[in-house]
Amino acid sequence: MHTARDFHRGDGVFHVKAMARVQLRDEQWAKIEPLLESQRGAGRRGSNDRNFIEAVLWWRRTGVPWRDLPEEFGPWKTVFNRFDRWSKRGKRLRLFEALRIDPGKKGRCRGDWSVAWRSDHEGAHVIVDALGLPLTFEITEGQRNDIVPAKGLVARVSSRCLLADKAYDARDFRASLDERGCEQVIPSNRSRSERRPYDKELYKARSEIECTFNLLKQARRFATRYEKTLRNYAAVVAIGCAMLWLRI
């Protein structure tokens, strides 16, 4: 895909074409297309679904305003309105959930532990499996404490072991994990008078969530929370999580 741009210099104007790099391979689109068809509701059918998905992926990766969307993706207002409708209906989240398959089917082992962590000040709380693949997420206000959504978030997944940093060292949260029979690999906060032991060797595997966030933050719309609504930022996070599942 190419888009025309005018570049001005002292001795004239140069009309060149810049490339808008696509992100979906054919085999990845083959996984997405039937899911879009299954979620299609009543009303007018959108034209060229793949071009629309590529437009949203390009916008998410670059972080540009909608008005700066390259011309080959179509009118920016049309793309934005469709994205906004999908966000309101939760289609992005359903796409992520549909792609969240068991990697064991592809000859890989997920393991029986998961990792919880939170992004830096952006309010994205994510749980991943042993392979670093997102299982679920929650979006909150950036100033909200990490522990607030933790109990409800962990309740969404089934895990025998949870790895998390010391921000999750809270009595209520640990008690909820004990009730679930979930092993806790969480270092004690310095304010705790009695330090609870944890498996330091296993705790090193928490690097998986760090790698996951590094991959998600390659998209500027994730790394910098430009969205004015929590709903649209949740759609950005859901797209990023879905793209990680498309990698396997």
C-alpha atoms as a PDB file:
ATOM      1  CA  MET A   1       0.000   0.000   0.000  1.00  0.00           C
ATOM      2  CA  HIS A   2       1.202   3.468  -0.837  1.00  0.00           C
ATOM      3  CA  THR A   3      -0.034   6.950  -0.126  1.00  0.00           C
ATOM      4  CA  ALA A   4       0.926  10.176  -1.876  1.00  0.00           C
ATOM      5  CA  ARG A   5       2.618  12.973   0.035  1.00  0.00           C
ATOM      6  CA  ASP A   6       3.927  16.419  -1.005  1.00  0.00           C
ATOM      7  CA  PHE A   7       7.318  17.429   0.376  1.00  0.00           C
ATOM      8  CA  HIS A   8       8.291  21.095   0.154  1.00  0.00           C
ATOM      9  CA  ARG A   9      11.855  22.301  -0.277  1.00  0.00           C
ATOM     10  CA  GLY A  10      13.279  25.685  -1.139  1.00  0.00           C
ATOM     11  CA  ASP A  11      13.569  24.919  -4.868  1.00  0.00           C
ATOM     12  CA  GLY A  12      10.218  23.188  -5.386  1.00  0.00           C
ATOM     13  CA  VAL A  13       7.624  20.661  -4.326  1.00  0.00           C
ATOM     14  CA  PHE A  14       8.266  16.936  -4.642  1.00  0.00           C
ATOM     15  CA  HIS A  15       5.323  14.533  -4.989  1.00  0.00           C
ATOM     16  CA  VAL A  16       6.323  11.119  -3.698  1.00  0.00           C
ATOM     17  CA  LYS A  17       4.605   8.024  -2.374  1.00  0.00           C
ATOM     18  CA  ALA A  18       5.181   6.701   1.134  1.00  0.00           C
ATOM     19  CA  MET A  19       4.427   3.130   2.072  1.00  0.00           C
ATOM     20  CA  ALA A  20       1.851   2.190   4.714  1.00  0.00           C
ATOM     21  CA  ARG A  21       3.164  -1.161   5.898  1.00  0.00           C
ATOM     22  CA  VAL A  22       0.547  -3.883   6.265  1.00  0.00           C
ATOM     23  CA  GLN A  23       0.678  -6.177   9.311  1.00  0.00           C
ATOM     24  CA  LEU A  24      -1.494  -9.200   8.560  1.00  0.00           C
ATOM     25  CA  ARG A  25      -0.113 -12.205   6.728  1.00  0.00           C
ATOM     26  CA  ASP A  26      -2.493 -14.246   4.603  1.00  0.00           C
ATOM     27  CA  GLU A  27      -2.585 -17.108   7.103  1.00  0.00           C
ATOM     28  CA  GLN A  28      -3.416 -14.667   9.912  1.00  0.00           C
ATOM     29  CA  TRP A  29      -6.234 -13.130   7.902  1.00  0.00           C
ATOM     30  CA  ALA A  30      -7.562 -16.645   7.233  1.00  0.00           C
ATOM     31  CA  LYS A  31      -8.030 -17.013  11.019  1.00  0.00           C
ATOM     32  CA  ILE A  32      -9.746 -13.640  11.437  1.00  0.00           C
ATOM     33  CA  GLU A  33     -12.090 -13.635   8.431  1.00  0.00           C
ATOM     34  CA  PRO A  34     -14.464 -16.411   9.585  1.00  0.00           C
ATOM     35  CA  LEU A  35     -14.652 -14.834  13.055  1.00  0.00           C
ATOM     36  CA  LEU A  36     -15.740 -11.518  11.539  1.00  0.00           C
ATOM     37  CA  GLU A  37     -18.387 -13.290   9.497  1.00  0.00           C
ATOM     38  CA  SER A  38     -19.749 -15.048  12.580  1.00  0.00           C
ATOM     39  CA  GLN A  39     -20.061 -11.730  14.431  1.00  0.00           C
ATOM     40  CA  ARG A  40     -21.677  -9.832  11.585  1.00  0.00           C
ATOM     41  CA  GLY A  41     -25.028  -8.386  12.635  1.00  0.00           C
ATOM     42  CA  ALA A  42     -27.917  -6.789  10.826  1.00  0.00           C
ATOM     43  CA  GLY A  43     -27.421  -3.632   8.807  1.00  0.00           C
ATOM     44  CA  ARG A  44     -25.219  -2.488   5.986  1.00  0.00           C
ATOM     45  CA  ARG A  45     -22.208  -4.673   5.277  1.00  0.00           C
ATOM     46  CA  GLY A  46     -18.863  -2.884   5.451  1.00  0.00           C
ATOM     47  CA  SER A  47     -16.731  -2.931   2.340  1.00  0.00           C
ATOM     48  CA  ASN A  48     -13.329  -4.662   2.319  1.00  0.00           C
ATOM     49  CA  ASP A  49     -13.015  -6.003   5.863  1.00  0.00           C
ATOM     50  CA  ARG A  50      -9.310  -6.710   5.514  1.00  0.00           C
ATOM     51  CA  ASN A  51      -8.519  -3.146   4.478  1.00  0.00           C
ATOM     52  CA  PHE A  52     -10.472  -1.898   7.498  1.00  0.00           C
ATOM     53  CA  ILE A  53      -8.559  -4.187   9.872  1.00  0.00           C
ATOM     54  CA  GLU A  54      -5.257  -3.084   8.335  1.00  0.00           C
ATOM     55  CA  ALA A  55      -6.285   0.551   8.764  1.00  0.00           C
ATOM     56  CA  VAL A  56      -6.988   0.043  12.471  1.00  0.00           C
ATOM     57  CA  LEU A  57      -3.732  -1.868  12.969  1.00  0.00           C
ATOM     58  CA  TRP A  58      -1.759   0.890  11.223  1.00  0.00           C
ATOM     59  CA  TRP A  59      -3.491   3.575  13.315  1.00  0.00           C
ATOM     60  CA  ARG A  60      -2.847   1.603  16.504  1.00  0.00           C
ATOM     61  CA  ARG A  61       0.838   1.049  15.710  1.00  0.00           C
ATOM     62  CA  THR A  62       1.689   4.615  14.648  1.00  0.00           C
ATOM     63  CA  GLY A  63      -0.520   6.514  17.098  1.00  0.00           C
ATOM     64  CA  VAL A  64      -1.458   9.148  14.503  1.00  0.00           C
ATOM     65  CA  PRO A  65      -4.782  11.036  14.636  1.00  0.00           C
ATOM     66  CA  TRP A  66      -7.589   9.503  12.570  1.00  0.00           C
ATOM     67  CA  ARG A  67      -7.439  12.453  10.159  1.00  0.00           C
ATOM     68  CA  ASP A  68      -3.891  11.434   9.157  1.00  0.00           C
ATOM     69  CA  LEU A  69      -4.934   7.955   8.040  1.00  0.00           C
ATOM     70  CA  PRO A  70      -3.408   7.192   4.595  1.00  0.00           C
ATOM     71  CA  GLU A  71      -5.807   7.566   1.674  1.00  0.00           C
ATOM     72  CA  GLU A  72      -5.579   3.933   0.560  1.00  0.00           C
ATOM     73  CA  PHE A  73      -7.425   2.891   3.732  1.00  0.00           C
ATOM     74  CA  GLY A  74     -10.440   4.928   2.662  1.00  0.00           C
ATOM     75  CA  PRO A  75     -12.065   8.015   4.223  1.00  0.00           C
ATOM     76  CA  TRP A  76     -10.777   8.389   7.780  1.00  0.00           C
ATOM     77  CA  LYS A  77     -14.230   9.268   9.115  1.00  0.00           C
ATOM     78  CA  THR A  78     -15.679   6.043   7.714  1.00  0.00           C
ATOM     79  CA  VAL A  79     -12.924   3.973   9.311  1.00  0.00           C
ATOM     80  CA  PHE A  80     -13.292   5.762  12.650  1.00  0.00           C
ATOM     81  CA  ASN A  81     -17.081   5.397  12.734  1.00  0.00           C
ATOM     82  CA  ARG A  82     -16.802   1.672  12.051  1.00  0.00           C
ATOM     83  CA  PHE A  83     -14.107   1.254  14.711  1.00  0.00           C
ATOM     84  CA  ASP A  84     -16.252   3.172  17.205  1.00  0.00           C
ATOM     85  CA  ARG A  85     -19.291   1.002  16.463  1.00  0.00           C
ATOM     86  CA  TRP A  86     -17.219  -2.156  16.918  1.00  0.00           C
ATOM     87  CA  SER A  87     -15.883  -0.790  20.198  1.00  0.00           C
ATOM     88  CA  LYS A  88     -19.386  -0.051  21.516  1.00  0.00           C
ATOM     89  CA  ARG A  89     -20.572  -3.554  20.606  1.00  0.00           C
ATOM     90  CA  GLY A  90     -17.514  -5.244  22.136  1.00  0.00           C
ATOM     91  CA  LYS A  91     -16.445  -6.843  18.845  1.00  0.00           C
ATOM     92  CA  ARG A  92     -12.735  -6.289  19.520  1.00  0.00           C
ATOM     93  CA  LEU A  93     -12.984  -8.094  22.838  1.00  0.00           C
ATOM     94  CA  ARG A  94     -14.948 -10.977  21.295  1.00  0.00           C
ATOM     95  CA  LEU A  95     -12.326 -11.280  18.552  1.00  0.00           C
ATOM     96  CA  PHE A  96      -9.578 -11.577  21.170  1.00  0.00           C
ATOM     97  CA  GLU A  97     -11.578 -14.155  23.126  1.00  0.00           C
ATOM     98  CA  ALA A  98     -12.232 -16.188  19.969  1.00  0.00           C
ATOM     99  CA  LEU A  99      -8.521 -16.228  19.076  1.00  0.00           C
ATOM    100  CA  ARG A 100      -7.532 -17.194  22.616  1.00  0.00           C
ATOM    101  CA  ILE A 101      -7.167 -20.883  21.854  1.00  0.00           C
ATOM    102  CA  ASP A 102      -5.183 -23.584  23.618  1.00  0.00           C
ATOM    103  CA  PRO A 103      -1.616 -23.553  22.238  1.00  0.00           C
ATOM    104  CA  GLY A 104      -1.352 -27.204  23.230  1.00  0.00           C
ATOM    105  CA  LYS A 105      -3.299 -27.978  20.063  1.00  0.00           C
ATOM    106  CA  LYS A 106      -0.249 -26.808  18.144  1.00  0.00           C
ATOM    107  CA  GLY A 107       2.116 -29.069  20.047  1.00  0.00           C
ATOM    108  CA  ARG A 108       3.063 -26.491  22.671  1.00  0.00           C
ATOM    109  CA  CYS A 109       2.508 -26.744  26.405  1.00  0.00           C
ATOM    110  CA  ARG A 110       0.898 -23.867  28.264  1.00  0.00           C
ATOM    111  CA  GLY A 111       1.823 -25.032  31.762  1.00  0.00           C
ATOM    112  CA  ASP A 112      -0.310 -24.578  34.849  1.00  0.00           C
ATOM    113  CA  TRP A 113       0.712 -21.133  36.055  1.00  0.00           C
ATOM    114  CA  SER A 114      -0.056 -17.596  35.010  1.00  0.00           C
ATOM    115  CA  VAL A 115       1.459 -14.199  35.676  1.00  0.00           C
ATOM    116  CA  ALA A 116      -0.199 -10.978  36.753  1.00  0.00           C
ATOM    117  CA  TRP A 117       1.273  -7.548  36.215  1.00  0.00           C
ATOM    118  CA  ARG A 118       0.225  -3.999  35.428  1.00  0.00           C
ATOM    119  CA  SER A 119       1.519  -1.468  32.920  1.00  0.00           C
ATOM    120  CA  ASP A 120       3.279   1.738  33.924  1.00  0.00           C
ATOM    121  CA  HIS A 121       0.608   4.325  34.809  1.00  0.00           C
ATOM    122  CA  GLU A 122      -1.659   3.454  31.842  1.00  0.00           C
ATOM    123  CA  GLY A 123      -4.094   1.312  33.831  1.00  0.00           C
ATOM    124  CA  ALA A 124      -3.840  -1.882  31.755  1.00  0.00           C
ATOM    125  CA  HIS A 125      -3.871  -4.970  33.990  1.00  0.00           C
ATOM    126  CA  VAL A 126      -3.063  -8.199  32.148  1.00  0.00           C
ATOM    127  CA  ILE A 127      -2.787 -11.887  33.027  1.00  0.00           C
ATOM    128  CA  VAL A 128      -0.733 -14.099  30.734  1.00  0.00           C
ATOM    129  CA  ASP A 129      -0.054 -17.826  30.640  1.00  0.00           C
ATOM    130  CA  ALA A 130       3.320 -19.574  30.845  1.00  0.00           C
ATOM    131  CA  LEU A 131       4.022 -18.720  27.203  1.00  0.00           C
ATOM    132  CA  GLY A 132       3.351 -15.022  27.700  1.00  0.00           C
ATOM    133  CA  LEU A 133       0.025 -15.138  25.842  1.00  0.00           C
ATOM    134  CA  PRO A 134      -2.710 -12.872  27.273  1.00  0.00           C
ATOM    135  CA  LEU A 135      -5.581 -14.675  28.983  1.00  0.00           C
ATOM    136  CA  THR A 136      -7.594 -11.691  30.181  1.00  0.00           C
ATOM    137  CA  PHE A 137      -7.176  -8.002  30.969  1.00  0.00           C
ATOM    138  CA  GLU A 138      -8.832  -5.115  32.773  1.00  0.00           C
ATOM    139  CA  ILE A 139      -8.608  -1.380  32.104  1.00  0.00           C
ATOM    140  CA  THR A 140      -8.841   1.079  34.989  1.00  0.00           C
ATOM    141  CA  GLU A 141      -8.015   4.703  35.627  1.00  0.00           C
ATOM    142  CA  GLY A 142      -4.282   5.287  35.559  1.00  0.00           C
ATOM    143  CA  GLN A 143      -4.163   6.489  39.167  1.00  0.00           C
ATOM    144  CA  ARG A 144      -5.970   3.436  40.597  1.00  0.00           C
ATOM    145  CA  ASN A 145      -3.882   1.108  42.767  1.00  0.00           C
ATOM    146  CA  ASP A 146      -2.757  -2.174  41.195  1.00  0.00           C
ATOM    147  CA  ILE A 147      -4.466  -4.318  43.810  1.00  0.00           C
ATOM    148  CA  VAL A 148      -7.991  -2.925  43.282  1.00  0.00           C
ATOM    149  CA  PRO A 149      -8.973  -5.047  40.222  1.00  0.00           C
ATOM    150  CA  ALA A 150      -6.655  -7.964  41.063  1.00  0.00           C
ATOM    151  CA  LYS A 151      -9.130 -10.262  42.852  1.00  0.00           C
ATOM    152  CA  GLY A 152     -11.787 -10.062  40.153  1.00  0.00           C
ATOM    153  CA  LEU A 153      -9.249 -10.375  37.356  1.00  0.00           C
ATOM    154  CA  VAL A 154      -7.613 -13.523  38.733  1.00  0.00           C
ATOM    155  CA  ALA A 155     -11.057 -15.088  39.270  1.00  0.00           C
ATOM    156  CA  ARG A 156     -11.524 -15.156  35.482  1.00  0.00           C
ATOM    157  CA  VAL A 157      -8.732 -17.686  34.898  1.00  0.00           C
ATOM    158  CA  SER A 158      -7.971 -21.138  36.245  1.00  0.00           C
ATOM    159  CA  SER A 159      -4.427 -21.437  37.540  1.00  0.00           C
ATOM    160  CA  ARG A 160      -2.569 -23.502  40.125  1.00  0.00           C
ATOM    161  CA  CYS A 161       0.147 -20.892  40.537  1.00  0.00           C
ATOM    162  CA  LEU A 162       0.262 -17.103  40.267  1.00  0.00           C
ATOM    163  CA  LEU A 163       3.400 -15.016  39.778  1.00  0.00           C
ATOM    164  CA  ALA A 164       3.101 -11.334  40.621  1.00  0.00           C
ATOM    165  CA  ASP A 165       5.248  -8.518  41.972  1.00  0.00           C
ATOM    166  CA  LYS A 166       5.125  -7.133  45.511  1.00  0.00           C
ATOM    167  CA  ALA A 167       2.390  -4.638  44.598  1.00  0.00           C
ATOM    168  CA  TYR A 168       0.010  -7.613  44.924  1.00  0.00           C
ATOM    169  CA  ASP A 169       1.163  -8.482  48.447  1.00  0.00           C
ATOM    170  CA  ALA A 170      -2.142  -7.745  50.196  1.00  0.00           C
ATOM    171  CA  ARG A 171      -3.838  -9.856  52.854  1.00  0.00           C
ATOM    172  CA  ASP A 172      -7.262  -9.941  51.175  1.00  0.00           C
ATOM    173  CA  PHE A 173      -5.771 -10.864  47.812  1.00  0.00           C
ATOM    174  CA  ARG A 174      -3.585 -13.593  49.281  1.00  0.00           C
ATOM    175  CA  ALA A 175      -6.576 -14.951  51.204  1.00  0.00           C
ATOM    176  CA  SER A 176      -8.611 -15.170  47.987  1.00  0.00           C
ATOM    177  CA  LEU A 177      -5.755 -17.122  46.348  1.00  0.00           C
ATOM    178  CA  ASP A 178      -5.614 -19.494  49.340  1.00  0.00           C
ATOM    179  CA  GLU A 179      -9.337 -20.173  48.945  1.00  0.00           C
ATOM    180  CA  ARG A 180      -8.776 -21.070  45.295  1.00  0.00           C
ATOM    181  CA  GLY A 181      -5.870 -23.365  46.154  1.00  0.00           C
ATOM    182  CA  CYS A 182      -3.547 -21.239  44.040  1.00  0.00           C
ATOM    183  CA  GLU A 183       0.143 -21.207  44.914  1.00  0.00           C
ATOM    184  CA  GLN A 184       1.471 -17.693  45.425  1.00  0.00           C
ATOM    185  CA  VAL A 185       4.841 -16.648  44.049  1.00  0.00           C
ATOM    186  CA  ILE A 186       4.726 -13.089  45.324  1.00  0.00           C
ATOM    187  CA  PRO A 187       7.559 -11.350  47.212  1.00  0.00           C
ATOM    188  CA  SER A 188       6.614  -9.616  50.453  1.00  0.00           C
ATOM    189  CA  ASN A 189       6.245  -5.887  50.630  1.00  0.00           C
ATOM    190  CA  ARG A 190       8.869  -4.155  52.761  1.00  0.00           C
ATOM    191  CA  SER A 191       6.131  -2.858  55.050  1.00  0.00           C
ATOM    192  CA  ARG A 192       5.239  -6.438  56.087  1.00  0.00           C
ATOM    193  CA  SER A 193       6.716  -7.338  59.479  1.00  0.00           C
ATOM    194  CA  GLU A 194       6.870 -11.063  58.682  1.00  0.00           C
ATOM    195  CA  ARG A 195       8.159 -11.925  55.218  1.00  0.00           C
ATOM    196  CA  ARG A 196       6.363 -14.789  53.492  1.00  0.00           C
ATOM    197  CA  PRO A 197       8.643 -17.243  51.664  1.00  0.00           C
ATOM    198  CA  TYR A 198       8.314 -17.663  47.892  1.00  0.00           C
ATOM    199  CA  ASP A 199      10.035 -19.628  45.131  1.00  0.00           C
ATOM    200  CA  LYS A 200      12.702 -17.202  43.900  1.00  0.00           C
ATOM    201  CA  GLU A 201      13.726 -19.450  41.036  1.00  0.00           C
ATOM    202  CA  LEU A 202      10.171 -19.743  39.719  1.00  0.00           C
ATOM    203  CA  TYR A 203       9.684 -15.997  40.196  1.00  0.00           C
ATOM    204  CA  LYS A 204      12.233 -15.412  37.428  1.00  0.00           C
ATOM    205  CA  ALA A 205       9.593 -16.669  34.974  1.00  0.00           C
ATOM    206  CA  ARG A 206       7.667 -13.460  35.645  1.00  0.00           C
ATOM    207  CA  SER A 207       9.825 -12.014  32.865  1.00  0.00           C
ATOM    208  CA  GLU A 208       7.215 -13.449  30.474  1.00  0.00           C
ATOM    209  CA  ILE A 209       4.765 -10.675  31.345  1.00  0.00           C
ATOM    210  CA  GLU A 210       7.494  -8.069  30.898  1.00  0.00           C
ATOM    211  CA  CYS A 211       8.154  -9.425  27.400  1.00  0.00           C
ATOM    212  CA  THR A 212       4.415  -9.367  26.663  1.00  0.00           C
ATOM    213  CA  PHE A 213       4.143  -5.717  27.655  1.00  0.00           C
ATOM    214  CA  ASN A 214       7.193  -4.864  25.564  1.00  0.00           C
ATOM    215  CA  LEU A 215       5.458  -6.389  22.549  1.00  0.00           C
ATOM    216  CA  LEU A 216       2.199  -4.574  23.297  1.00  0.00           C
ATOM    217  CA  LYS A 217       4.032  -1.275  23.704  1.00  0.00           C
ATOM    218  CA  GLN A 218       5.415  -1.496  20.184  1.00  0.00           C
ATOM    219  CA  ALA A 219       2.044   0.008  19.303  1.00  0.00           C
ATOM    220  CA  ARG A 220       2.075   3.672  20.237  1.00  0.00           C
ATOM    221  CA  ARG A 221      -1.675   3.733  20.919  1.00  0.00           C
ATOM    222  CA  PHE A 222      -1.072   1.224  23.699  1.00  0.00           C
ATOM    223  CA  ALA A 223       2.124   2.743  25.079  1.00  0.00           C
ATOM    224  CA  THR A 224       0.608   6.235  25.230  1.00  0.00           C
ATOM    225  CA  ARG A 225      -3.027   6.274  26.249  1.00  0.00           C
ATOM    226  CA  TYR A 226      -4.389   8.742  23.679  1.00  0.00           C
ATOM    227  CA  GLU A 227      -7.984   7.463  23.825  1.00  0.00           C
ATOM    228  CA  LYS A 228     -10.472   9.706  25.588  1.00  0.00           C
ATOM    229  CA  THR A 229     -12.752   6.834  26.583  1.00  0.00           C
ATOM    230  CA  LEU A 230     -11.958   3.724  28.566  1.00  0.00           C
ATOM    231  CA  ARG A 231     -14.022   1.738  26.044  1.00  0.00           C
ATOM    232  CA  ASN A 232     -11.858   2.679  23.067  1.00  0.00           C
ATOM    233  CA  TYR A 233      -8.618   2.121  24.976  1.00  0.00           C
ATOM    234  CA  ALA A 234      -9.897  -1.325  25.961  1.00  0.00           C
ATOM    235  CA  ALA A 235     -10.451  -1.975  22.239  1.00  0.00           C
ATOM    236  CA  VAL A 236      -6.818  -0.990  21.559  1.00  0.00           C
ATOM    237  CA  VAL A 237      -5.612  -3.426  24.241  1.00  0.00           C
ATOM    238  CA  ALA A 238      -7.893  -6.195  22.918  1.00  0.00           C
ATOM    239  CA  ILE A 239      -6.457  -5.748  19.415  1.00  0.00           C
ATOM    240  CA  GLY A 240      -2.917  -6.019  20.775  1.00  0.00           C
ATOM    241  CA  CYS A 241      -3.767  -9.181  22.718  1.00  0.00           C
ATOM    242  CA  ALA A 242      -5.432 -10.706  19.653  1.00  0.00           C
ATOM    243  CA  MET A 243      -2.344  -9.967  17.546  1.00  0.00           C
ATOM    244  CA  LEU A 244      -0.163 -11.832  20.044  1.00  0.00           C
ATOM    245  CA  TRP A 245      -2.390 -14.907  19.680  1.00  0.00           C
ATOM    246  CA  LEU A 246      -2.093 -14.624  15.905  1.00  0.00           C
ATOM    247  CA  ARG A 247       1.675 -15.034  16.225  1.00  0.00           C
ATOM    248  CA  ILE A 248       1.420 -18.716  17.215  1.00  0.00           C
END
